[in-house]
Amino acid sequence: MLVILKETARKLGNVGDVLKVKKGFARNYLIPSGKAVRATKANLAILESSKEKLAAQQAAELEAASELAKSFAEIDVLPIYAQAERGVLFGAVNAKQIVAELSKKGVEITAKNVVLGAPIKTLGEHEVKIFLHSKVECSLRIHILDASRRDADGSTTGTS
């Protein structure tokens, strides 16, 4: 079934892309969630009339994502504090915690942008992928530290 994407989907494509997907995926997920519409003659005509506007919008989004990626280059290691005992965390560090720490540094993204390969359940350094745009992705090193080792003033003991 041919569909037209109404919003960018990480593994599918960008707004305005015409894709051939399985019927069940289109009927049960893409169309009901508002991520796509059927590629009918009328919808294709609407897409053609708004191609220039979409191209300008996508270029602006790509530029904004590139600028945001530069701010990630300035962050060497992001420290995150979590409760732990013997090097194992109580629970896992999730995307929301990473987004909260990034917002403290002045970098605003959503939890959807953060991709964790596996749940982070141990102390130490971990690599996290950040998808800002379908063409812009970067990686971020996070350092999970034991919250009980944090000083009274909120700084770390011996680590940056």
N, C-alpha and C. Protein backbone atom coordinates (compact mmCIF):
# COMPACT_ATOMS: atom_id res chain seq x y z
N MET A 1 0.85 -1.17 0.00
CA MET A 1 0.00 0.00 0.00
C MET A 1 0.90 1.24 0.00
N LEU A 2 0.56 2.20 -0.82
CA LEU A 2 1.32 3.45 -0.88
C LEU A 2 0.73 4.45 0.11
N VAL A 3 1.62 5.07 0.89
CA VAL A 3 1.21 6.09 1.85
C VAL A 3 2.13 7.30 1.71
N ILE A 4 1.63 8.44 2.18
CA ILE A 4 2.41 9.68 2.24
C ILE A 4 2.63 9.99 3.71
N LEU A 5 3.89 10.15 4.10
CA LEU A 5 4.19 10.44 5.50
C LEU A 5 3.80 11.87 5.85
N LYS A 6 3.13 12.04 6.98
CA LYS A 6 2.74 13.36 7.47
C LYS A 6 3.72 13.89 8.50
N GLU A 7 4.55 12.99 9.06
CA GLU A 7 5.59 13.41 10.00
C GLU A 7 6.80 12.51 9.81
N THR A 8 7.94 12.99 10.24
CA THR A 8 9.17 12.24 10.09
C THR A 8 9.17 11.02 11.01
N ALA A 9 9.49 9.88 10.45
CA ALA A 9 9.61 8.64 11.21
C ALA A 9 11.05 8.16 11.05
N ARG A 10 11.70 7.85 12.16
CA ARG A 10 13.13 7.57 12.16
C ARG A 10 13.56 6.52 11.14
N LYS A 11 12.86 5.42 11.06
CA LYS A 11 13.30 4.36 10.16
C LYS A 11 12.53 4.31 8.84
N LEU A 12 11.56 5.21 8.67
CA LEU A 12 10.76 5.20 7.45
C LEU A 12 11.16 6.31 6.48
N GLY A 13 11.14 7.55 6.93
CA GLY A 13 11.45 8.65 6.05
C GLY A 13 11.01 9.98 6.61
N ASN A 14 11.01 10.99 5.74
CA ASN A 14 10.67 12.36 6.14
C ASN A 14 9.25 12.72 5.72
N VAL A 15 8.82 13.87 6.16
CA VAL A 15 7.50 14.39 5.80
C VAL A 15 7.41 14.50 4.28
N GLY A 16 6.31 14.01 3.71
CA GLY A 16 6.09 14.12 2.28
C GLY A 16 6.63 12.96 1.47
N ASP A 17 7.34 12.04 2.08
CA ASP A 17 7.85 10.88 1.34
C ASP A 17 6.69 9.94 1.02
N VAL A 18 6.71 9.40 -0.20
CA VAL A 18 5.72 8.41 -0.61
C VAL A 18 6.38 7.04 -0.47
N LEU A 19 5.80 6.20 0.37
CA LEU A 19 6.39 4.91 0.69
C LEU A 19 5.43 3.77 0.38
N LYS A 20 6.01 2.62 0.06
CA LYS A 20 5.22 1.41 -0.07
C LYS A 20 5.45 0.60 1.20
N VAL A 21 4.38 0.40 1.96
CA VAL A 21 4.45 -0.35 3.21
C VAL A 21 3.42 -1.47 3.16
N LYS A 22 3.53 -2.39 4.09
CA LYS A 22 2.56 -3.48 4.15
C LYS A 22 1.20 -2.92 4.57
N LYS A 23 0.14 -3.53 4.06
CA LYS A 23 -1.21 -3.04 4.30
C LYS A 23 -1.55 -2.97 5.78
N GLY A 24 -1.18 -3.99 6.52
CA GLY A 24 -1.49 -4.02 7.95
C GLY A 24 -0.79 -2.92 8.71
N PHE A 25 0.46 -2.63 8.36
CA PHE A 25 1.22 -1.56 9.01
C PHE A 25 0.56 -0.22 8.75
N ALA A 26 0.11 -0.01 7.51
CA ALA A 26 -0.55 1.24 7.16
C ALA A 26 -1.90 1.36 7.85
N ARG A 27 -2.72 0.32 7.76
CA ARG A 27 -4.08 0.36 8.32
C ARG A 27 -4.11 0.39 9.84
N ASN A 28 -3.22 -0.36 10.45
CA ASN A 28 -3.28 -0.52 11.91
C ASN A 28 -2.43 0.47 12.68
N TYR A 29 -1.41 1.06 12.04
CA TYR A 29 -0.52 1.94 12.79
C TYR A 29 -0.37 3.33 12.16
N LEU A 30 0.14 3.38 10.94
CA LEU A 30 0.48 4.69 10.35
C LEU A 30 -0.73 5.60 10.17
N ILE A 31 -1.79 5.11 9.57
CA ILE A 31 -2.95 5.95 9.30
C ILE A 31 -3.73 6.30 10.57
N PRO A 32 -4.04 5.34 11.46
CA PRO A 32 -4.77 5.71 12.68
C PRO A 32 -4.00 6.65 13.61
N SER A 33 -2.67 6.53 13.62
CA SER A 33 -1.89 7.40 14.51
C SER A 33 -1.63 8.76 13.88
N GLY A 34 -2.04 8.97 12.64
CA GLY A 34 -1.88 10.26 12.00
C GLY A 34 -0.49 10.49 11.43
N LYS A 35 0.30 9.45 11.32
CA LYS A 35 1.66 9.58 10.80
C LYS A 35 1.69 9.54 9.27
N ALA A 36 0.61 9.05 8.66
CA ALA A 36 0.57 8.94 7.20
C ALA A 36 -0.87 8.98 6.71
N VAL A 37 -1.01 9.25 5.41
CA VAL A 37 -2.31 9.18 4.73
C VAL A 37 -2.12 8.30 3.49
N ARG A 38 -3.24 7.78 2.98
CA ARG A 38 -3.16 6.98 1.77
C ARG A 38 -2.70 7.85 0.61
N ALA A 39 -1.96 7.27 -0.30
CA ALA A 39 -1.46 8.01 -1.46
C ALA A 39 -2.48 7.96 -2.59
N THR A 40 -3.59 8.68 -2.41
CA THR A 40 -4.61 8.77 -3.45
C THR A 40 -4.23 9.88 -4.42
N LYS A 41 -4.95 9.97 -5.55
CA LYS A 41 -4.66 11.02 -6.52
C LYS A 41 -4.82 12.40 -5.89
N ALA A 42 -5.84 12.57 -5.08
CA ALA A 42 -6.08 13.87 -4.44
C ALA A 42 -4.96 14.21 -3.46
N ASN A 43 -4.55 13.24 -2.65
CA ASN A 43 -3.47 13.50 -1.69
C ASN A 43 -2.14 13.74 -2.38
N LEU A 44 -1.89 13.04 -3.50
CA LEU A 44 -0.66 13.27 -4.26
C LEU A 44 -0.66 14.67 -4.89
N ALA A 45 -1.83 15.15 -5.33
CA ALA A 45 -1.93 16.50 -5.89
C ALA A 45 -1.65 17.54 -4.81
N ILE A 46 -2.17 17.32 -3.62
CA ILE A 46 -1.90 18.23 -2.50
C ILE A 46 -0.42 18.23 -2.17
N LEU A 47 0.19 17.06 -2.19
CA LEU A 47 1.63 16.95 -1.91
C LEU A 47 2.44 17.71 -2.94
N GLU A 48 2.10 17.57 -4.22
CA GLU A 48 2.82 18.28 -5.28
C GLU A 48 2.72 19.80 -5.11
N SER A 49 1.54 20.28 -4.72
CA SER A 49 1.36 21.73 -4.57
C SER A 49 2.13 22.28 -3.38
N SER A 50 2.42 21.45 -2.40
CA SER A 50 3.12 21.95 -1.21
C SER A 50 4.57 21.46 -1.13
N LYS A 51 5.13 20.95 -2.25
CA LYS A 51 6.50 20.43 -2.25
C LYS A 51 7.52 21.49 -1.86
N GLU A 52 7.42 22.70 -2.41
CA GLU A 52 8.39 23.76 -2.12
C GLU A 52 8.36 24.14 -0.64
N LYS A 53 7.16 24.25 -0.11
CA LYS A 53 7.01 24.59 1.31
C LYS A 53 7.63 23.50 2.18
N LEU A 54 7.38 22.23 1.83
CA LEU A 54 7.95 21.11 2.58
C LEU A 54 9.47 21.10 2.49
N ALA A 55 10.01 21.39 1.31
CA ALA A 55 11.47 21.40 1.14
C ALA A 55 12.10 22.49 2.00
N ALA A 56 11.48 23.66 2.04
CA ALA A 56 12.00 24.75 2.87
C ALA A 56 11.91 24.39 4.35
N GLN A 57 10.81 23.77 4.75
CA GLN A 57 10.63 23.37 6.14
C GLN A 57 11.65 22.31 6.54
N GLN A 58 11.90 21.33 5.66
CA GLN A 58 12.87 20.29 5.96
C GLN A 58 14.29 20.85 6.03
N ALA A 59 14.60 21.83 5.18
CA ALA A 59 15.92 22.45 5.23
C ALA A 59 16.11 23.20 6.54
N ALA A 60 15.06 23.88 7.01
CA ALA A 60 15.14 24.59 8.28
C ALA A 60 15.30 23.61 9.44
N GLU A 61 14.58 22.49 9.40
CA GLU A 61 14.70 21.48 10.45
C GLU A 61 16.10 20.87 10.46
N LEU A 62 16.65 20.63 9.28
CA LEU A 62 18.00 20.07 9.18
C LEU A 62 19.04 21.04 9.74
N GLU A 63 18.87 22.31 9.44
CA GLU A 63 19.79 23.33 9.96
C GLU A 63 19.70 23.42 11.48
N ALA A 64 18.48 23.40 12.01
CA ALA A 64 18.31 23.45 13.47
C ALA A 64 18.91 22.22 14.13
N ALA A 65 18.74 21.06 13.52
CA ALA A 65 19.31 19.83 14.08
C ALA A 65 20.83 19.87 14.04
N SER A 66 21.39 20.43 12.98
CA SER A 66 22.85 20.54 12.88
C SER A 66 23.40 21.47 13.96
N GLU A 67 22.70 22.57 14.22
CA GLU A 67 23.11 23.49 15.28
C GLU A 67 23.04 22.81 16.64
N LEU A 68 21.99 22.04 16.86
CA LEU A 68 21.84 21.34 18.13
C LEU A 68 22.93 20.28 18.29
N ALA A 69 23.31 19.64 17.19
CA ALA A 69 24.38 18.63 17.25
C ALA A 69 25.70 19.26 17.67
N LYS A 70 25.92 20.52 17.28
CA LYS A 70 27.15 21.21 17.69
C LYS A 70 27.19 21.40 19.20
N SER A 71 26.03 21.60 19.82
CA SER A 71 26.00 21.77 21.27
C SER A 71 26.35 20.46 21.99
N PHE A 72 26.09 19.32 21.35
CA PHE A 72 26.48 18.04 21.94
C PHE A 72 27.98 17.85 21.88
N ALA A 73 28.63 18.45 20.88
CA ALA A 73 30.08 18.34 20.78
C ALA A 73 30.77 19.03 21.96
N GLU A 74 30.11 20.03 22.54
CA GLU A 74 30.68 20.76 23.68
C GLU A 74 30.58 19.96 24.97
N ILE A 75 29.68 18.99 25.03
CA ILE A 75 29.50 18.17 26.24
C ILE A 75 30.39 16.95 26.10
N ASP A 76 31.45 16.89 26.91
CA ASP A 76 32.37 15.75 26.84
C ASP A 76 31.74 14.52 27.48
N VAL A 77 31.42 14.63 28.76
CA VAL A 77 30.78 13.53 29.49
C VAL A 77 29.66 14.12 30.32
N LEU A 78 28.51 13.51 30.28
CA LEU A 78 27.35 13.97 31.05
C LEU A 78 27.23 13.11 32.31
N PRO A 79 27.43 13.70 33.50
CA PRO A 79 27.28 12.90 34.72
C PRO A 79 25.81 12.76 35.11
N ILE A 80 25.43 11.57 35.50
CA ILE A 80 24.08 11.29 35.98
C ILE A 80 24.21 10.52 37.28
N TYR A 81 23.48 10.97 38.30
CA TYR A 81 23.55 10.32 39.61
C TYR A 81 22.35 9.39 39.78
N ALA A 82 22.63 8.20 40.29
CA ALA A 82 21.57 7.21 40.53
C ALA A 82 21.91 6.42 41.78
N GLN A 83 20.89 5.92 42.44
CA GLN A 83 21.09 5.10 43.63
C GLN A 83 21.65 3.74 43.22
N ALA A 84 22.74 3.35 43.88
CA ALA A 84 23.37 2.08 43.52
C ALA A 84 23.94 1.40 44.75
N GLU A 85 24.09 0.11 44.64
CA GLU A 85 24.74 -0.67 45.69
C GLU A 85 25.65 -1.68 45.00
N ARG A 86 26.92 -1.65 45.34
CA ARG A 86 27.94 -2.54 44.77
C ARG A 86 28.00 -2.45 43.25
N GLY A 87 27.88 -1.27 42.71
CA GLY A 87 28.01 -1.07 41.27
C GLY A 87 26.77 -1.38 40.45
N VAL A 88 25.70 -1.82 41.09
CA VAL A 88 24.47 -2.14 40.37
C VAL A 88 23.39 -1.13 40.77
N LEU A 89 22.70 -0.59 39.78
CA LEU A 89 21.69 0.44 40.05
C LEU A 89 20.39 -0.18 40.54
N PHE A 90 19.66 0.60 41.34
CA PHE A 90 18.29 0.24 41.71
C PHE A 90 17.40 0.76 40.59
N GLY A 91 17.04 -0.09 39.65
CA GLY A 91 16.33 0.36 38.47
C GLY A 91 17.33 0.68 37.38
N ALA A 92 16.87 1.30 36.31
CA ALA A 92 17.75 1.62 35.19
C ALA A 92 17.67 3.11 34.90
N VAL A 93 18.73 3.65 34.33
CA VAL A 93 18.73 5.03 33.87
C VAL A 93 17.96 5.04 32.55
N ASN A 94 16.98 5.95 32.45
CA ASN A 94 16.16 5.98 31.24
C ASN A 94 16.36 7.29 30.48
N ALA A 95 15.70 7.39 29.34
CA ALA A 95 15.85 8.54 28.46
C ALA A 95 15.39 9.83 29.13
N LYS A 96 14.36 9.77 29.97
CA LYS A 96 13.86 10.97 30.65
C LYS A 96 14.92 11.56 31.58
N GLN A 97 15.67 10.71 32.26
CA GLN A 97 16.73 11.21 33.14
C GLN A 97 17.83 11.89 32.33
N ILE A 98 18.16 11.32 31.19
CA ILE A 98 19.20 11.90 30.34
C ILE A 98 18.73 13.25 29.80
N VAL A 99 17.47 13.34 29.39
CA VAL A 99 16.91 14.60 28.89
C VAL A 99 16.91 15.66 29.99
N ALA A 100 16.58 15.27 31.22
CA ALA A 100 16.57 16.21 32.34
C ALA A 100 17.97 16.76 32.61
N GLU A 101 18.98 15.91 32.55
CA GLU A 101 20.36 16.37 32.77
C GLU A 101 20.82 17.26 31.63
N LEU A 102 20.42 16.95 30.41
CA LEU A 102 20.78 17.79 29.27
C LEU A 102 20.11 19.15 29.36
N SER A 103 18.87 19.20 29.84
CA SER A 103 18.19 20.49 29.97
C SER A 103 18.88 21.38 31.00
N LYS A 104 19.49 20.77 32.02
CA LYS A 104 20.27 21.55 32.99
C LYS A 104 21.48 22.19 32.33
N LYS A 105 21.99 21.56 31.26
CA LYS A 105 23.14 22.08 30.52
C LYS A 105 22.70 23.04 29.41
N GLY A 106 21.39 23.24 29.25
CA GLY A 106 20.89 24.17 28.24
C GLY A 106 20.61 23.53 26.90
N VAL A 107 20.59 22.20 26.82
CA VAL A 107 20.30 21.49 25.58
C VAL A 107 18.91 20.89 25.70
N GLU A 108 18.00 21.33 24.84
CA GLU A 108 16.61 20.88 24.91
C GLU A 108 16.30 19.87 23.81
N ILE A 109 16.02 18.63 24.21
CA ILE A 109 15.56 17.58 23.31
C ILE A 109 14.44 16.83 24.01
N THR A 110 13.83 15.90 23.30
CA THR A 110 12.79 15.07 23.92
C THR A 110 13.32 13.66 24.14
N ALA A 111 12.60 12.89 24.92
CA ALA A 111 13.01 11.51 25.21
C ALA A 111 12.97 10.65 23.95
N LYS A 112 12.18 11.04 22.96
CA LYS A 112 12.12 10.28 21.71
C LYS A 112 13.44 10.36 20.94
N ASN A 113 14.21 11.43 21.17
CA ASN A 113 15.48 11.59 20.48
C ASN A 113 16.57 10.68 21.04
N VAL A 114 16.42 10.23 22.28
CA VAL A 114 17.45 9.43 22.94
C VAL A 114 17.18 7.95 22.67
N VAL A 115 18.20 7.26 22.17
CA VAL A 115 18.07 5.83 21.90
C VAL A 115 19.08 5.08 22.75
N LEU A 116 18.56 4.26 23.66
CA LEU A 116 19.41 3.43 24.50
C LEU A 116 19.48 2.05 23.87
N GLY A 117 20.69 1.55 23.65
CA GLY A 117 20.84 0.23 23.07
C GLY A 117 20.28 -0.85 23.97
N ALA A 118 20.52 -0.70 25.26
CA ALA A 118 20.04 -1.64 26.27
C ALA A 118 19.83 -0.84 27.54
N PRO A 119 19.03 -1.33 28.47
CA PRO A 119 18.85 -0.60 29.73
C PRO A 119 20.18 -0.40 30.44
N ILE A 120 20.39 0.79 30.97
CA ILE A 120 21.64 1.09 31.68
C ILE A 120 21.42 0.77 33.14
N LYS A 121 22.07 -0.28 33.63
CA LYS A 121 21.86 -0.74 35.00
C LYS A 121 23.14 -0.83 35.80
N THR A 122 24.25 -0.31 35.26
CA THR A 122 25.52 -0.37 35.99
C THR A 122 26.16 1.01 36.04
N LEU A 123 27.01 1.21 37.03
CA LEU A 123 27.77 2.45 37.14
C LEU A 123 28.85 2.46 36.05
N GLY A 124 29.34 3.66 35.74
CA GLY A 124 30.42 3.79 34.76
C GLY A 124 29.98 4.56 33.54
N GLU A 125 30.83 4.53 32.52
CA GLU A 125 30.56 5.27 31.29
C GLU A 125 29.78 4.40 30.30
N HIS A 126 28.83 5.06 29.64
CA HIS A 126 28.00 4.39 28.63
C HIS A 126 27.85 5.33 27.44
N GLU A 127 27.67 4.75 26.27
CA GLU A 127 27.46 5.51 25.04
C GLU A 127 25.97 5.52 24.72
N VAL A 128 25.44 6.70 24.40
CA VAL A 128 24.02 6.85 24.08
C VAL A 128 23.92 7.54 22.73
N LYS A 129 23.04 7.05 21.86
CA LYS A 129 22.82 7.68 20.57
C LYS A 129 21.69 8.70 20.68
N ILE A 130 21.90 9.84 20.03
CA ILE A 130 20.91 10.91 19.99
C ILE A 130 20.55 11.13 18.52
N PHE A 131 19.28 10.91 18.17
CA PHE A 131 18.79 11.15 16.82
C PHE A 131 18.04 12.48 16.81
N LEU A 132 18.59 13.47 16.11
CA LEU A 132 17.99 14.79 16.07
C LEU A 132 17.17 15.01 14.80
N HIS A 133 17.53 14.31 13.74
CA HIS A 133 16.88 14.42 12.44
C HIS A 133 17.20 13.13 11.71
N SER A 134 16.49 12.84 10.64
CA SER A 134 16.78 11.60 9.92
C SER A 134 18.19 11.59 9.34
N LYS A 135 18.78 12.78 9.15
CA LYS A 135 20.13 12.86 8.60
C LYS A 135 21.16 13.31 9.63
N VAL A 136 20.73 13.61 10.85
CA VAL A 136 21.65 14.10 11.89
C VAL A 136 21.50 13.24 13.13
N GLU A 137 22.59 12.57 13.47
CA GLU A 137 22.63 11.81 14.72
C GLU A 137 24.00 12.03 15.35
N CYS A 138 24.05 11.93 16.65
CA CYS A 138 25.32 12.07 17.35
C CYS A 138 25.31 11.12 18.54
N SER A 139 26.46 10.98 19.15
CA SER A 139 26.53 10.11 20.32
C SER A 139 26.98 10.94 21.51
N LEU A 140 26.61 10.47 22.67
CA LEU A 140 26.90 11.18 23.91
C LEU A 140 27.40 10.17 24.92
N ARG A 141 28.48 10.51 25.58
CA ARG A 141 28.98 9.66 26.65
C ARG A 141 28.37 10.14 27.95
N ILE A 142 27.76 9.22 28.67
CA ILE A 142 27.23 9.55 29.99
C ILE A 142 27.99 8.75 31.03
N HIS A 143 28.16 9.34 32.18
CA HIS A 143 28.88 8.69 33.28
C HIS A 143 27.89 8.53 34.42
N ILE A 144 27.54 7.29 34.73
CA ILE A 144 26.60 7.01 35.81
C ILE A 144 27.39 6.93 37.11
N LEU A 145 27.03 7.78 38.07
CA LEU A 145 27.72 7.86 39.35
C LEU A 145 26.76 7.51 40.47
N ASP A 146 27.30 6.99 41.56
CA ASP A 146 26.51 6.65 42.74
C ASP A 146 26.07 7.94 43.42
N ALA A 147 24.78 8.09 43.65
CA ALA A 147 24.24 9.31 44.27
C ALA A 147 24.74 9.49 45.69
N SER A 148 25.09 8.42 46.37
CA SER A 148 25.58 8.55 47.75
C SER A 148 26.98 9.13 47.79
N ARG A 149 27.69 9.16 46.66
CA ARG A 149 29.04 9.72 46.63
C ARG A 149 29.04 11.20 46.31
N ARG A 150 27.88 11.76 46.04
CA ARG A 150 27.78 13.18 45.74
C ARG A 150 28.03 13.99 47.02
N ASP A 151 28.81 15.04 46.91
CA ASP A 151 29.07 15.91 48.08
C ASP A 151 27.81 16.65 48.48
N ALA A 152 27.84 17.25 49.63
CA ALA A 152 26.69 18.00 50.13
C ALA A 152 26.35 19.18 49.23
N ASP A 153 27.35 19.75 48.56
CA ASP A 153 27.09 20.90 47.69
C ASP A 153 26.68 20.50 46.28
N GLY A 154 26.60 19.20 45.99
CA GLY A 154 26.12 18.76 44.69
C GLY A 154 27.21 18.48 43.68
N SER A 155 28.48 18.64 44.04
CA SER A 155 29.55 18.34 43.10
C SER A 155 30.00 16.90 43.28
N THR A 156 30.79 16.41 42.34
CA THR A 156 31.24 15.03 42.41
C THR A 156 32.53 14.93 43.20
N THR A 157 32.85 13.74 43.65
CA THR A 157 34.09 13.53 44.38
C THR A 157 35.09 12.86 43.46
N GLY A 158 36.02 13.64 42.96
CA GLY A 158 37.09 13.08 42.16
C GLY A 158 36.80 12.89 40.69
N THR A 159 35.59 13.12 40.21
CA THR A 159 35.28 13.00 38.79
C THR A 159 34.70 14.30 38.29
N SER A 160 34.79 14.47 36.99
CA SER A 160 34.27 15.71 36.41
C SER A 160 32.91 15.52 35.84
